[in-house]
Each structure stands twice: as C-alpha cells, then as structure tokens.
Amino acid sequence: MRSVKTKKSIFKRLQHNPIVCVIILLLTVALYYQLPVTDDKFTVRVISVIDGDTVDVLSDNQRQRIRLAYIDAPEIGQPYGQRSKQTLIALVKNKMVNIRPLNQDNYQRTVAIIEVDSMNINREMVRLGMAWVYTHYNDDLLLLSLEAKAKVNKTGLWQQKNPIAPWIYRQSKK
C-alpha cells in the first residue's frame, strides 16, 4: 500500500515540475522515432484491414495476415472497435509498408511491427488511443509511455469512463 502512495506522489511531483516533464517528453519523442534494427524487413502493400490490430498484405502475389505486435485493439463489437479499425485503414490501407516479423501466433498470423514512411504504426495506434499495450507480450518500453500519455490526455478509447481491455472482453464472451 505504501508503494502506491509513493508512486502517486512521484507523479504529482512530476506534474508540477515543467523541466522534468519537458525532458521526459523529449526522450519520448526521440524514442518514438528510433527504429529497431533488423535485417528481416520486407516491403508489401496492405490490401485489407481486418480490425485495429490485424491487416492482410500481398506478398509474392499471396495474401498474408499480419498481427501488429505488442498491441491489442478493441474488438469490432466493443466501443472504439470500429474507430480503431478506421484509424488503421487511414494509416495503412493500399499503402506500401515495411514489415518486421517477430514470430507467428497460434492462428498462423505473422506477428510484426509495421512501418509506413518510418512511422511505427504499432506505436501510432497506441499514441492515438486506438489500442492497448499488450503487456503480456510487450518488448517495446516506449509503448507504455505512449499509452500512459494517451490515458492522461483522454485520447481515443481513454475518453471512456471504464474502457474494457480486449482480452477481458474476449474472456467474457466465452
């Protein structure tokens, strides 16, 4: 219980210290544009958007399903589910994107980071409040900062009084 009070007091102190806030903001922006290095990147066209965290791409004339790594967007039946999908459509549909595959999930989808013109789309969806950080699988620490900022600013789905995370929503539907 004591550690919770300590965390709150730290955040309160940060709110009243503009220099620290500016430093944190600058670090966040710098990290946001830093791209992880990998040789496994390939470029494809997004041909359809399934929902806020899944797209289909055309690779070597074959459709391939890509799941955005580290994030979980609201399900289509949830509040902000359609908005999340529409946001992803605006960001990637019919565009050439860079895919950095990380692994495959249980549904045989390629789990990847998607970039358009050096913008990390996974991070952008969280920054816009259109997806949660999927903390169970997250390796991208900047996502947590982007999500916290979206919450504080009540951006996107964080405008709701009590947004329900997609993994909880899916469990309730079983």
C-alpha atoms as a PDB file:
ATOM      1  CA  MET A   1       0.000   0.000   0.000  1.00  0.00           C
ATOM      2  CA  ARG A   2       2.837   2.350   0.817  1.00  0.00           C
ATOM      3  CA  SER A   3       4.421   1.949  -2.639  1.00  0.00           C
ATOM      4  CA  VAL A   4       1.166   3.059  -4.289  1.00  0.00           C
ATOM      5  CA  LYS A   5       1.248   6.307  -2.323  1.00  0.00           C
ATOM      6  CA  THR A   6       4.886   6.789  -3.295  1.00  0.00           C
ATOM      7  CA  LYS A   7       4.076   6.321  -6.981  1.00  0.00           C
ATOM      8  CA  LYS A   8       1.230   8.813  -6.783  1.00  0.00           C
ATOM      9  CA  SER A   9       3.402  11.374  -5.056  1.00  0.00           C
ATOM     10  CA  ILE A  10       6.109  10.936  -7.707  1.00  0.00           C
ATOM     11  CA  PHE A  11       3.570  11.552 -10.466  1.00  0.00           C
ATOM     12  CA  LYS A  12       2.186  14.567  -8.608  1.00  0.00           C
ATOM     13  CA  ARG A  13       5.699  15.973  -8.278  1.00  0.00           C
ATOM     14  CA  LEU A  14       6.305  15.396 -11.999  1.00  0.00           C
ATOM     15  CA  GLN A  15       3.128  17.282 -12.889  1.00  0.00           C
ATOM     16  CA  HIS A  16       4.408  20.359 -11.063  1.00  0.00           C
ATOM     17  CA  ASN A  17       7.946  20.228 -12.439  1.00  0.00           C
ATOM     18  CA  PRO A  18       7.910  21.529 -16.013  1.00  0.00           C
ATOM     19  CA  ILE A  19      11.617  20.882 -16.618  1.00  0.00           C
ATOM     20  CA  VAL A  20      11.284  17.173 -15.827  1.00  0.00           C
ATOM     21  CA  CYS A  21       8.123  16.979 -17.946  1.00  0.00           C
ATOM     22  CA  VAL A  22       9.919  18.577 -20.916  1.00  0.00           C
ATOM     23  CA  ILE A  23      12.856  16.172 -20.541  1.00  0.00           C
ATOM     24  CA  ILE A  24      10.502  13.175 -20.416  1.00  0.00           C
ATOM     25  CA  LEU A  25       8.617  14.486 -23.447  1.00  0.00           C
ATOM     26  CA  LEU A  26      11.844  14.972 -25.431  1.00  0.00           C
ATOM     27  CA  LEU A  27      13.053  11.478 -24.537  1.00  0.00           C
ATOM     28  CA  THR A  28       9.692  10.041 -25.532  1.00  0.00           C
ATOM     29  CA  VAL A  29       9.770  11.814 -28.902  1.00  0.00           C
ATOM     30  CA  ALA A  30      13.355  10.688 -29.510  1.00  0.00           C
ATOM     31  CA  LEU A  31      12.484   7.091 -28.671  1.00  0.00           C
ATOM     32  CA  TYR A  32       9.316   7.263 -30.759  1.00  0.00           C
ATOM     33  CA  TYR A  33      11.304   7.895 -33.919  1.00  0.00           C
ATOM     34  CA  GLN A  34      14.076   5.448 -33.082  1.00  0.00           C
ATOM     35  CA  LEU A  35      13.620   2.354 -35.197  1.00  0.00           C
ATOM     36  CA  PRO A  36      14.910  -1.026 -34.040  1.00  0.00           C
ATOM     37  CA  VAL A  37      17.472  -2.505 -36.408  1.00  0.00           C
ATOM     38  CA  THR A  38      16.705  -5.773 -38.182  1.00  0.00           C
ATOM     39  CA  ASP A  39      17.634  -7.352 -41.499  1.00  0.00           C
ATOM     40  CA  ASP A  40      14.369  -9.306 -41.765  1.00  0.00           C
ATOM     41  CA  LYS A  41      12.296  -6.371 -43.012  1.00  0.00           C
ATOM     42  CA  PHE A  42      10.269  -6.702 -46.221  1.00  0.00           C
ATOM     43  CA  THR A  43       8.015  -4.310 -48.110  1.00  0.00           C
ATOM     44  CA  VAL A  44       4.455  -5.174 -49.136  1.00  0.00           C
ATOM     45  CA  ARG A  45       1.124  -3.499 -49.910  1.00  0.00           C
ATOM     46  CA  VAL A  46      -1.700  -3.606 -47.356  1.00  0.00           C
ATOM     47  CA  ILE A  47      -4.774  -4.874 -49.203  1.00  0.00           C
ATOM     48  CA  SER A  48      -7.261  -5.002 -46.322  1.00  0.00           C
ATOM     49  CA  VAL A  49      -7.658  -4.106 -42.672  1.00  0.00           C
ATOM     50  CA  ILE A  50      -9.406  -6.744 -40.568  1.00  0.00           C
ATOM     51  CA  ASP A  51      -9.605  -4.779 -37.323  1.00  0.00           C
ATOM     52  CA  GLY A  52      -7.476  -2.353 -35.307  1.00  0.00           C
ATOM     53  CA  ASP A  53      -4.537  -4.729 -34.965  1.00  0.00           C
ATOM     54  CA  THR A  54      -4.701  -7.069 -37.971  1.00  0.00           C
ATOM     55  CA  VAL A  55      -4.136  -6.484 -41.684  1.00  0.00           C
ATOM     56  CA  ASP A  56      -3.806  -8.530 -44.837  1.00  0.00           C
ATOM     57  CA  VAL A  57      -0.903  -7.814 -47.159  1.00  0.00           C
ATOM     58  CA  LEU A  58       0.013  -9.009 -50.613  1.00  0.00           C
ATOM     59  CA  SER A  59       3.404 -10.714 -50.613  1.00  0.00           C
ATOM     60  CA  ASP A  60       4.632 -12.521 -53.738  1.00  0.00           C
ATOM     61  CA  ASN A  61       1.049 -12.488 -55.060  1.00  0.00           C
ATOM     62  CA  GLN A  62      -0.192 -14.262 -51.931  1.00  0.00           C
ATOM     63  CA  ARG A  63      -2.367 -12.881 -49.173  1.00  0.00           C
ATOM     64  CA  GLN A  64      -0.648 -12.906 -45.795  1.00  0.00           C
ATOM     65  CA  ARG A  65      -2.260 -11.996 -42.476  1.00  0.00           C
ATOM     66  CA  ILE A  66      -0.227  -9.725 -40.187  1.00  0.00           C
ATOM     67  CA  ARG A  67      -0.957  -9.117 -36.494  1.00  0.00           C
ATOM     68  CA  LEU A  68       0.520  -5.896 -35.088  1.00  0.00           C
ATOM     69  CA  ALA A  69       2.994  -6.822 -32.352  1.00  0.00           C
ATOM     70  CA  TYR A  70       2.706  -5.669 -28.743  1.00  0.00           C
ATOM     71  CA  ILE A  71      -0.751  -4.094 -29.063  1.00  0.00           C
ATOM     72  CA  ASP A  72      -4.362  -5.203 -28.702  1.00  0.00           C
ATOM     73  CA  ALA A  73      -7.094  -3.093 -30.291  1.00  0.00           C
ATOM     74  CA  PRO A  74     -10.737  -3.137 -29.191  1.00  0.00           C
ATOM     75  CA  GLU A  75     -12.782  -5.906 -30.776  1.00  0.00           C
ATOM     76  CA  ILE A  76     -15.176  -4.782 -33.512  1.00  0.00           C
ATOM     77  CA  GLY A  77     -18.158  -5.224 -31.138  1.00  0.00           C
ATOM     78  CA  GLN A  78     -16.546  -3.105 -28.415  1.00  0.00           C
ATOM     79  CA  PRO A  79     -16.702   0.668 -28.076  1.00  0.00           C
ATOM     80  CA  TYR A  80     -13.953   2.134 -30.279  1.00  0.00           C
ATOM     81  CA  GLY A  81     -13.621  -1.151 -32.192  1.00  0.00           C
ATOM     82  CA  GLN A  82     -14.811   0.410 -35.458  1.00  0.00           C
ATOM     83  CA  ARG A  83     -12.897   3.650 -34.820  1.00  0.00           C
ATOM     84  CA  SER A  84      -9.728   1.676 -34.214  1.00  0.00           C
ATOM     85  CA  LYS A  85     -10.223  -0.199 -37.484  1.00  0.00           C
ATOM     86  CA  GLN A  86     -10.940   3.041 -39.372  1.00  0.00           C
ATOM     87  CA  THR A  87      -7.803   4.624 -37.907  1.00  0.00           C
ATOM     88  CA  LEU A  88      -5.670   1.705 -39.069  1.00  0.00           C
ATOM     89  CA  ILE A  89      -7.310   1.897 -42.507  1.00  0.00           C
ATOM     90  CA  ALA A  90      -6.340   5.580 -42.736  1.00  0.00           C
ATOM     91  CA  LEU A  91      -2.762   4.777 -41.724  1.00  0.00           C
ATOM     92  CA  VAL A  92      -2.009   1.745 -43.928  1.00  0.00           C
ATOM     93  CA  LYS A  93      -4.701   0.678 -46.435  1.00  0.00           C
ATOM     94  CA  ASN A  94      -3.403   0.430 -50.006  1.00  0.00           C
ATOM     95  CA  LYS A  95      -0.008   1.704 -48.874  1.00  0.00           C
ATOM     96  CA  MET A  96       3.392   0.137 -49.221  1.00  0.00           C
ATOM     97  CA  VAL A  97       4.551  -0.778 -45.718  1.00  0.00           C
ATOM     98  CA  ASN A  98       7.651  -2.271 -44.172  1.00  0.00           C
ATOM     99  CA  ILE A  99       7.005  -5.420 -42.153  1.00  0.00           C
ATOM    100  CA  ARG A 100       9.433  -6.525 -39.445  1.00  0.00           C
ATOM    101  CA  PRO A 101       8.264 -10.026 -38.494  1.00  0.00           C
ATOM    102  CA  LEU A 102       8.871 -11.178 -34.931  1.00  0.00           C
ATOM    103  CA  ASN A 103       7.100 -14.550 -34.786  1.00  0.00           C
ATOM    104  CA  GLN A 104       3.870 -16.394 -35.585  1.00  0.00           C
ATOM    105  CA  ASP A 105       0.881 -16.601 -33.282  1.00  0.00           C
ATOM    106  CA  ASN A 106      -1.429 -19.550 -32.590  1.00  0.00           C
ATOM    107  CA  TYR A 107      -3.613 -18.541 -35.562  1.00  0.00           C
ATOM    108  CA  GLN A 108      -0.658 -18.718 -38.011  1.00  0.00           C
ATOM    109  CA  ARG A 109      -0.569 -14.948 -38.378  1.00  0.00           C
ATOM    110  CA  THR A 110       2.778 -13.220 -38.682  1.00  0.00           C
ATOM    111  CA  VAL A 111       3.249 -11.011 -35.624  1.00  0.00           C
ATOM    112  CA  ALA A 112       5.148  -7.936 -36.749  1.00  0.00           C
ATOM    113  CA  ILE A 113       5.975  -4.287 -36.471  1.00  0.00           C
ATOM    114  CA  ILE A 114       4.551  -2.285 -39.364  1.00  0.00           C
ATOM    115  CA  GLU A 115       6.149   0.929 -40.596  1.00  0.00           C
ATOM    116  CA  VAL A 116       4.948   3.479 -43.138  1.00  0.00           C
ATOM    117  CA  ASP A 117       7.399   6.208 -44.135  1.00  0.00           C
ATOM    118  CA  SER A 118       9.458   5.446 -40.995  1.00  0.00           C
ATOM    119  CA  MET A 119       6.374   5.767 -38.734  1.00  0.00           C
ATOM    120  CA  ASN A 120       5.930   2.813 -36.383  1.00  0.00           C
ATOM    121  CA  ILE A 121       2.218   2.043 -36.844  1.00  0.00           C
ATOM    122  CA  ASN A 122       2.031  -0.157 -33.731  1.00  0.00           C
ATOM    123  CA  ARG A 123       3.172   2.795 -31.614  1.00  0.00           C
ATOM    124  CA  GLU A 124       0.952   5.219 -33.513  1.00  0.00           C
ATOM    125  CA  MET A 125      -2.173   3.178 -32.735  1.00  0.00           C
ATOM    126  CA  VAL A 126      -1.346   3.312 -29.016  1.00  0.00           C
ATOM    127  CA  ARG A 127      -0.443   7.019 -29.169  1.00  0.00           C
ATOM    128  CA  LEU A 128      -3.807   7.782 -30.793  1.00  0.00           C
ATOM    129  CA  GLY A 129      -5.630   5.842 -28.083  1.00  0.00           C
ATOM    130  CA  MET A 130      -6.820   3.204 -30.544  1.00  0.00           C
ATOM    131  CA  ALA A 131      -5.155   0.207 -28.880  1.00  0.00           C
ATOM    132  CA  TRP A 132      -3.908  -1.062 -25.555  1.00  0.00           C
ATOM    133  CA  VAL A 133      -0.361  -2.190 -24.955  1.00  0.00           C
ATOM    134  CA  TYR A 134      -0.466  -5.981 -24.830  1.00  0.00           C
ATOM    135  CA  THR A 135       1.756  -6.104 -21.746  1.00  0.00           C
ATOM    136  CA  HIS A 136       1.942  -9.887 -21.672  1.00  0.00           C
ATOM    137  CA  TYR A 137       3.908  -9.863 -24.942  1.00  0.00           C
ATOM    138  CA  ASN A 138       5.387  -6.352 -24.961  1.00  0.00           C
ATOM    139  CA  ASP A 139       9.104  -5.798 -25.620  1.00  0.00           C
ATOM    140  CA  ASP A 140       8.724  -2.115 -26.571  1.00  0.00           C
ATOM    141  CA  LEU A 141       9.015   0.058 -23.462  1.00  0.00           C
ATOM    142  CA  LEU A 142       8.071   3.221 -25.331  1.00  0.00           C
ATOM    143  CA  LEU A 143       4.574   1.801 -25.844  1.00  0.00           C
ATOM    144  CA  LEU A 144       3.928   2.021 -22.096  1.00  0.00           C
ATOM    145  CA  SER A 145       4.845   5.703 -22.116  1.00  0.00           C
ATOM    146  CA  LEU A 146       2.632   6.371 -25.139  1.00  0.00           C
ATOM    147  CA  GLU A 147      -0.286   4.566 -23.503  1.00  0.00           C
ATOM    148  CA  ALA A 148       0.166   6.486 -20.240  1.00  0.00           C
ATOM    149  CA  LYS A 149       0.173   9.777 -22.137  1.00  0.00           C
ATOM    150  CA  ALA A 150      -2.954   8.784 -24.096  1.00  0.00           C
ATOM    151  CA  LYS A 151      -4.703   7.917 -20.816  1.00  0.00           C
ATOM    152  CA  VAL A 152      -3.760  11.206 -19.158  1.00  0.00           C
ATOM    153  CA  ASN A 153      -4.893  13.175 -22.220  1.00  0.00           C
ATOM    154  CA  LYS A 154      -8.064  11.071 -22.579  1.00  0.00           C
ATOM    155  CA  THR A 155      -7.158  10.317 -26.181  1.00  0.00           C
ATOM    156  CA  GLY A 156      -9.267   7.891 -28.195  1.00  0.00           C
ATOM    157  CA  LEU A 157     -10.685   4.985 -26.206  1.00  0.00           C
ATOM    158  CA  TRP A 158      -9.379   6.560 -22.983  1.00  0.00           C
ATOM    159  CA  GLN A 159     -12.252   9.065 -23.222  1.00  0.00           C
ATOM    160  CA  GLN A 160     -14.480   6.288 -21.881  1.00  0.00           C
ATOM    161  CA  LYS A 161     -15.123   6.161 -18.164  1.00  0.00           C
ATOM    162  CA  ASN A 162     -14.129   2.491 -17.781  1.00  0.00           C
ATOM    163  CA  PRO A 163     -12.724   1.069 -21.007  1.00  0.00           C
ATOM    164  CA  ILE A 164     -12.614  -2.719 -21.077  1.00  0.00           C
ATOM    165  CA  ALA A 165      -9.417  -4.257 -22.409  1.00  0.00           C
ATOM    166  CA  PRO A 166      -9.982  -6.572 -25.396  1.00  0.00           C
ATOM    167  CA  TRP A 167      -8.520  -9.612 -23.630  1.00  0.00           C
ATOM    168  CA  ILE A 168     -11.068  -9.158 -20.814  1.00  0.00           C
ATOM    169  CA  TYR A 169     -13.861  -8.593 -23.339  1.00  0.00           C
ATOM    170  CA  ARG A 170     -12.937 -11.809 -25.193  1.00  0.00           C
ATOM    171  CA  GLN A 171     -12.921 -13.791 -21.928  1.00  0.00           C
ATOM    172  CA  SER A 172     -16.406 -12.507 -21.083  1.00  0.00           C
ATOM    173  CA  LYS A 173     -17.703 -13.735 -24.465  1.00  0.00           C
ATOM    174  CA  LYS A 174     -16.545 -17.345 -23.942  1.00  0.00           C
END
